[in-house]
PDB file of N, CA and C in Angstrom:
ATOM      1  N   MET A   1     -24.673   4.843 -18.759  1.00  0.00           N
ATOM      2  CA  MET A   1     -24.207   3.552 -18.294  1.00  0.00           C
ATOM      3  C   MET A   1     -22.753   3.308 -18.736  1.00  0.00           C
ATOM      4  N   LYS A   2     -22.427   3.792 -19.920  1.00  0.00           N
ATOM      5  CA  LYS A   2     -21.074   3.626 -20.423  1.00  0.00           C
ATOM      6  C   LYS A   2     -20.081   4.405 -19.556  1.00  0.00           C
ATOM      7  N   VAL A   3     -20.465   5.587 -19.110  1.00  0.00           N
ATOM      8  CA  VAL A   3     -19.598   6.408 -18.258  1.00  0.00           C
ATOM      9  C   VAL A   3     -19.386   5.709 -16.913  1.00  0.00           C
ATOM     10  N   PHE A   4     -20.429   5.088 -16.388  1.00  0.00           N
ATOM     11  CA  PHE A   4     -20.324   4.354 -15.128  1.00  0.00           C
ATOM     12  C   PHE A   4     -19.338   3.186 -15.253  1.00  0.00           C
ATOM     13  N   GLY A   5     -19.384   2.467 -16.356  1.00  0.00           N
ATOM     14  CA  GLY A   5     -18.455   1.358 -16.593  1.00  0.00           C
ATOM     15  C   GLY A   5     -17.015   1.822 -16.716  1.00  0.00           C
ATOM     16  N   ILE A   6     -16.825   2.918 -17.414  1.00  0.00           N
ATOM     17  CA  ILE A   6     -15.470   3.471 -17.547  1.00  0.00           C
ATOM     18  C   ILE A   6     -14.952   3.904 -16.184  1.00  0.00           C
ATOM     19  N   GLY A   7     -15.827   4.502 -15.377  1.00  0.00           N
ATOM     20  CA  GLY A   7     -15.424   4.905 -14.024  1.00  0.00           C
ATOM     21  C   GLY A   7     -15.018   3.711 -13.180  1.00  0.00           C
ATOM     22  N   LEU A   8     -15.758   2.604 -13.282  1.00  0.00           N
ATOM     23  CA  LEU A   8     -15.404   1.391 -12.533  1.00  0.00           C
ATOM     24  C   LEU A   8     -14.062   0.822 -12.976  1.00  0.00           C
ATOM     25  N   VAL A   9     -13.790   0.867 -14.257  1.00  0.00           N
ATOM     26  CA  VAL A   9     -12.505   0.374 -14.771  1.00  0.00           C
ATOM     27  C   VAL A   9     -11.364   1.235 -14.240  1.00  0.00           C
ATOM     28  N   ILE A  10     -11.549   2.538 -14.232  1.00  0.00           N
ATOM     29  CA  ILE A  10     -10.500   3.442 -13.743  1.00  0.00           C
ATOM     30  C   ILE A  10     -10.246   3.197 -12.256  1.00  0.00           C
ATOM     31  N   VAL A  11     -11.320   3.061 -11.472  1.00  0.00           N
ATOM     32  CA  VAL A  11     -11.163   2.780 -10.041  1.00  0.00           C
ATOM     33  C   VAL A  11     -10.456   1.443  -9.841  1.00  0.00           C
ATOM     34  N   GLY A  12     -10.800   0.430 -10.633  1.00  0.00           N
ATOM     35  CA  GLY A  12     -10.160  -0.879 -10.524  1.00  0.00           C
ATOM     36  C   GLY A  12      -8.677  -0.836 -10.845  1.00  0.00           C
ATOM     37  N   VAL A  13      -8.305  -0.079 -11.852  1.00  0.00           N
ATOM     38  CA  VAL A  13      -6.885   0.032 -12.221  1.00  0.00           C
ATOM     39  C   VAL A  13      -6.105   0.736 -11.115  1.00  0.00           C
ATOM     40  N   ILE A  14      -6.685   1.810 -10.578  1.00  0.00           N
ATOM     41  CA  ILE A  14      -6.007   2.531  -9.488  1.00  0.00           C
ATOM     42  C   ILE A  14      -5.859   1.622  -8.276  1.00  0.00           C
ATOM     43  N   TRP A  15      -6.925   0.890  -7.938  1.00  0.00           N
ATOM     44  CA  TRP A  15      -6.886  -0.028  -6.795  1.00  0.00           C
ATOM     45  C   TRP A  15      -5.837  -1.119  -7.017  1.00  0.00           C
ATOM     46  N   GLY A  16      -5.734  -1.628  -8.236  1.00  0.00           N
ATOM     47  CA  GLY A  16      -4.731  -2.643  -8.544  1.00  0.00           C
ATOM     48  C   GLY A  16      -3.310  -2.126  -8.405  1.00  0.00           C
ATOM     49  N   VAL A  17      -3.073  -0.903  -8.853  1.00  0.00           N
ATOM     50  CA  VAL A  17      -1.737  -0.305  -8.730  1.00  0.00           C
ATOM     51  C   VAL A  17      -1.379  -0.141  -7.259  1.00  0.00           C
ATOM     52  N   ILE A  18      -2.340   0.319  -6.459  1.00  0.00           N
ATOM     53  CA  ILE A  18      -2.094   0.477  -5.019  1.00  0.00           C
ATOM     54  C   ILE A  18      -1.817  -0.879  -4.380  1.00  0.00           C
ATOM     55  N   ALA A  19      -2.590  -1.900  -4.749  1.00  0.00           N
ATOM     56  CA  ALA A  19      -2.406  -3.235  -4.165  1.00  0.00           C
ATOM     57  C   ALA A  19      -1.036  -3.814  -4.514  1.00  0.00           C
ATOM     58  N   PHE A  20      -0.590  -3.632  -5.747  1.00  0.00           N
ATOM     59  CA  PHE A  20       0.713  -4.170  -6.133  1.00  0.00           C
ATOM     60  C   PHE A  20       1.865  -3.422  -5.466  1.00  0.00           C
ATOM     61  N   ASN A  21       1.633  -2.198  -5.008  1.00  0.00           N
ATOM     62  CA  ASN A  21       2.682  -1.424  -4.355  1.00  0.00           C
ATOM     63  C   ASN A  21       2.679  -1.574  -2.839  1.00  0.00           C
ATOM     64  N   MET A  22       1.803  -2.411  -2.296  1.00  0.00           N
ATOM     65  CA  MET A  22       1.775  -2.625  -0.846  1.00  0.00           C
ATOM     66  C   MET A  22       3.029  -3.382  -0.416  1.00  0.00           C
ATOM     67  N   LYS A  23       3.579  -3.002   0.747  1.00  0.00           N
ATOM     68  CA  LYS A  23       4.755  -3.698   1.272  1.00  0.00           C
ATOM     69  C   LYS A  23       4.357  -5.069   1.791  1.00  0.00           C
ATOM     70  N   THR A  24       5.175  -6.065   1.554  1.00  0.00           N
ATOM     71  CA  THR A  24       4.940  -7.404   2.085  1.00  0.00           C
ATOM     72  C   THR A  24       6.130  -7.880   2.920  1.00  0.00           C
ATOM     73  N   THR A  25       7.048  -6.980   3.231  1.00  0.00           N
ATOM     74  CA  THR A  25       8.209  -7.344   4.042  1.00  0.00           C
ATOM     75  C   THR A  25       8.294  -6.424   5.254  1.00  0.00           C
ATOM     76  N   ILE A  26       8.938  -6.918   6.294  1.00  0.00           N
ATOM     77  CA  ILE A  26       9.214  -6.107   7.475  1.00  0.00           C
ATOM     78  C   ILE A  26      10.684  -6.256   7.822  1.00  0.00           C
ATOM     79  N   GLU A  27      11.211  -5.304   8.568  1.00  0.00           N
ATOM     80  CA  GLU A  27      12.612  -5.353   8.978  1.00  0.00           C
ATOM     81  C   GLU A  27      12.683  -5.637  10.476  1.00  0.00           C
ATOM     82  N   THR A  28      13.475  -6.632  10.851  1.00  0.00           N
ATOM     83  CA  THR A  28      13.633  -6.967  12.259  1.00  0.00           C
ATOM     84  C   THR A  28      14.739  -6.108  12.872  1.00  0.00           C
ATOM     85  N   GLU A  29      14.729  -6.027  14.194  1.00  0.00           N
ATOM     86  CA  GLU A  29      15.749  -5.252  14.896  1.00  0.00           C
ATOM     87  C   GLU A  29      17.019  -6.077  15.074  1.00  0.00           C
ATOM     88  N   SER A  30      18.140  -5.399  15.141  1.00  0.00           N
ATOM     89  CA  SER A  30      19.392  -6.105  15.453  1.00  0.00           C
ATOM     90  C   SER A  30      19.450  -6.319  16.968  1.00  0.00           C
ATOM     91  N   ARG A  31      20.033  -7.436  17.386  1.00  0.00           N
ATOM     92  CA  ARG A  31      20.099  -7.773  18.809  1.00  0.00           C
ATOM     93  C   ARG A  31      21.488  -8.284  19.157  1.00  0.00           C
ATOM     94  N   THR A  32      21.827  -8.141  20.426  1.00  0.00           N
ATOM     95  CA  THR A  32      23.078  -8.667  20.948  1.00  0.00           C
ATOM     96  C   THR A  32      22.755  -9.610  22.095  1.00  0.00           C
ATOM     97  N   PHE A  33      23.281 -10.828  22.014  1.00  0.00           N
ATOM     98  CA  PHE A  33      23.077 -11.831  23.053  1.00  0.00           C
ATOM     99  C   PHE A  33      24.399 -12.065  23.767  1.00  0.00           C
ATOM    100  N   GLY A  34      24.373 -12.084  25.082  1.00  0.00           N
ATOM    101  CA  GLY A  34      25.578 -12.324  25.868  1.00  0.00           C
ATOM    102  C   GLY A  34      26.314 -11.039  26.184  1.00  0.00           C
ATOM    103  N   GLU A  35      27.468 -11.216  26.851  1.00  0.00           N
ATOM    104  CA  GLU A  35      28.269 -10.068  27.249  1.00  0.00           C
ATOM    105  C   GLU A  35      29.745 -10.351  26.991  1.00  0.00           C
ATOM    106  N   GLY A  36      30.492  -9.297  26.800  1.00  0.00           N
ATOM    107  CA  GLY A  36      31.945  -9.409  26.672  1.00  0.00           C
ATOM    108  C   GLY A  36      32.389 -10.162  25.436  1.00  0.00           C
ATOM    109  N   LEU A  37      33.391 -11.042  25.634  1.00  0.00           N
ATOM    110  CA  LEU A  37      33.959 -11.799  24.516  1.00  0.00           C
ATOM    111  C   LEU A  37      32.988 -12.826  23.951  1.00  0.00           C
ATOM    112  N   TYR A  38      32.017 -13.222  24.742  1.00  0.00           N
ATOM    113  CA  TYR A  38      31.106 -14.279  24.319  1.00  0.00           C
ATOM    114  C   TYR A  38      29.787 -13.744  23.766  1.00  0.00           C
ATOM    115  N   SER A  39      29.746 -12.481  23.437  1.00  0.00           N
ATOM    116  CA  SER A  39      28.515 -11.893  22.900  1.00  0.00           C
ATOM    117  C   SER A  39      28.389 -12.226  21.413  1.00  0.00           C
ATOM    118  N   ILE A  40      27.162 -12.351  20.993  1.00  0.00           N
ATOM    119  CA  ILE A  40      26.851 -12.624  19.590  1.00  0.00           C
ATOM    120  C   ILE A  40      25.904 -11.533  19.121  1.00  0.00           C
ATOM    121  N   ARG A  41      26.245 -10.910  18.007  1.00  0.00           N
ATOM    122  CA  ARG A  41      25.381  -9.867  17.448  1.00  0.00           C
ATOM    123  C   ARG A  41      24.627 -10.434  16.259  1.00  0.00           C
ATOM    124  N   VAL A  42      23.303 -10.319  16.305  1.00  0.00           N
ATOM    125  CA  VAL A  42      22.449 -10.750  15.201  1.00  0.00           C
ATOM    126  C   VAL A  42      22.007  -9.484  14.453  1.00  0.00           C
ATOM    127  N   PRO A  43      22.396  -9.339  13.192  1.00  0.00           N
ATOM    128  CA  PRO A  43      22.061  -8.108  12.464  1.00  0.00           C
ATOM    129  C   PRO A  43      20.570  -8.046  12.116  1.00  0.00           C
ATOM    130  N   SER A  44      20.107  -6.857  11.767  1.00  0.00           N
ATOM    131  CA  SER A  44      18.710  -6.718  11.342  1.00  0.00           C
ATOM    132  C   SER A  44      18.538  -7.396   9.984  1.00  0.00           C
ATOM    133  N   GLN A  45      17.337  -7.910   9.769  1.00  0.00           N
ATOM    134  CA  GLN A  45      17.057  -8.633   8.536  1.00  0.00           C
ATOM    135  C   GLN A  45      15.726  -8.176   7.966  1.00  0.00           C
ATOM    136  N   THR A  46      15.566  -8.329   6.673  1.00  0.00           N
ATOM    137  CA  THR A  46      14.296  -8.074   6.022  1.00  0.00           C
ATOM    138  C   THR A  46      13.647  -9.426   5.749  1.00  0.00           C
ATOM    139  N   VAL A  47      12.433  -9.617   6.273  1.00  0.00           N
ATOM    140  CA  VAL A  47      11.748 -10.901   6.129  1.00  0.00           C
ATOM    141  C   VAL A  47      10.387 -10.693   5.483  1.00  0.00           C
ATOM    142  N   HIS A  48       9.900 -11.724   4.811  1.00  0.00           N
ATOM    143  CA  HIS A  48       8.602 -11.706   4.153  1.00  0.00           C
ATOM    144  C   HIS A  48       7.514 -11.943   5.194  1.00  0.00           C
ATOM    145  N   ASN A  49       6.533 -11.052   5.284  1.00  0.00           N
ATOM    146  CA  ASN A  49       5.448 -11.152   6.252  1.00  0.00           C
ATOM    147  C   ASN A  49       4.230 -11.743   5.560  1.00  0.00           C
ATOM    148  N   LEU A  50       3.778 -12.915   6.010  1.00  0.00           N
ATOM    149  CA  LEU A  50       2.667 -13.594   5.359  1.00  0.00           C
ATOM    150  C   LEU A  50       1.342 -12.860   5.550  1.00  0.00           C
ATOM    151  N   ASP A  51       1.166 -12.182   6.673  1.00  0.00           N
ATOM    152  CA  ASP A  51      -0.069 -11.435   6.888  1.00  0.00           C
ATOM    153  C   ASP A  51      -0.186 -10.275   5.903  1.00  0.00           C
ATOM    154  N   LEU A  52       0.894  -9.561   5.688  1.00  0.00           N
ATOM    155  CA  LEU A  52       0.864  -8.468   4.716  1.00  0.00           C
ATOM    156  C   LEU A  52       0.655  -9.003   3.297  1.00  0.00           C
ATOM    157  N   ALA A  53       1.221 -10.158   3.000  1.00  0.00           N
ATOM    158  CA  ALA A  53       1.020 -10.764   1.682  1.00  0.00           C
ATOM    159  C   ALA A  53      -0.437 -11.180   1.506  1.00  0.00           C
ATOM    160  N   ASP A  54      -1.070 -11.678   2.566  1.00  0.00           N
ATOM    161  CA  ASP A  54      -2.490 -12.038   2.512  1.00  0.00           C
ATOM    162  C   ASP A  54      -3.367 -10.815   2.296  1.00  0.00           C
ATOM    163  N   GLN A  55      -3.034  -9.718   2.960  1.00  0.00           N
ATOM    164  CA  GLN A  55      -3.813  -8.496   2.768  1.00  0.00           C
ATOM    165  C   GLN A  55      -3.722  -8.013   1.320  1.00  0.00           C
ATOM    166  N   ARG A  56      -2.526  -8.092   0.753  1.00  0.00           N
ATOM    167  CA  ARG A  56      -2.355  -7.696  -0.643  1.00  0.00           C
ATOM    168  C   ARG A  56      -3.146  -8.612  -1.566  1.00  0.00           C
ATOM    169  N   ARG A  57      -3.104  -9.909  -1.292  1.00  0.00           N
ATOM    170  CA  ARG A  57      -3.845 -10.868  -2.113  1.00  0.00           C
ATOM    171  C   ARG A  57      -5.347 -10.610  -2.030  1.00  0.00           C
ATOM    172  N   ASN A  58      -5.849 -10.295  -0.833  1.00  0.00           N
ATOM    173  CA  ASN A  58      -7.273 -10.019  -0.686  1.00  0.00           C
ATOM    174  C   ASN A  58      -7.688  -8.785  -1.473  1.00  0.00           C
ATOM    175  N   HIS A  59      -6.839  -7.763  -1.511  1.00  0.00           N
ATOM    176  CA  HIS A  59      -7.152  -6.582  -2.322  1.00  0.00           C
ATOM    177  C   HIS A  59      -7.211  -6.941  -3.799  1.00  0.00           C
ATOM    178  N   LEU A  60      -6.338  -7.830  -4.234  1.00  0.00           N
ATOM    179  CA  LEU A  60      -6.333  -8.212  -5.642  1.00  0.00           C
ATOM    180  C   LEU A  60      -7.507  -9.118  -5.973  1.00  0.00           C
ATOM    181  N   TYR A  61      -7.985  -9.919  -5.022  1.00  0.00           N
ATOM    182  CA  TYR A  61      -9.160 -10.767  -5.258  1.00  0.00           C
ATOM    183  C   TYR A  61     -10.411  -9.922  -5.477  1.00  0.00           C
ATOM    184  N   ILE A  62     -10.500  -8.809  -4.787  1.00  0.00           N
ATOM    185  CA  ILE A  62     -11.675  -7.947  -4.927  1.00  0.00           C
ATOM    186  C   ILE A  62     -11.787  -7.402  -6.339  1.00  0.00           C
ATOM    187  N   LEU A  63     -10.637  -7.192  -6.981  1.00  0.00           N
ATOM    188  CA  LEU A  63     -10.667  -6.691  -8.350  1.00  0.00           C
ATOM    189  C   LEU A  63     -11.283  -7.732  -9.244  1.00  0.00           C
TER     190      LEU A  63
END
């Protein structure tokens, strides 16, 4: 029984490390609006994705 408990702790620690290393951000594409002199370029950005953050939180709740 003691070996089983130690195994569960090891699995939990590994699962926690994986959960904390999950990405919670995404990168958007750069876009250009308009043509010629009146064009506007919007650069790519890194934004926080709430769905990915929820998935990470759910993995941590299981622990």
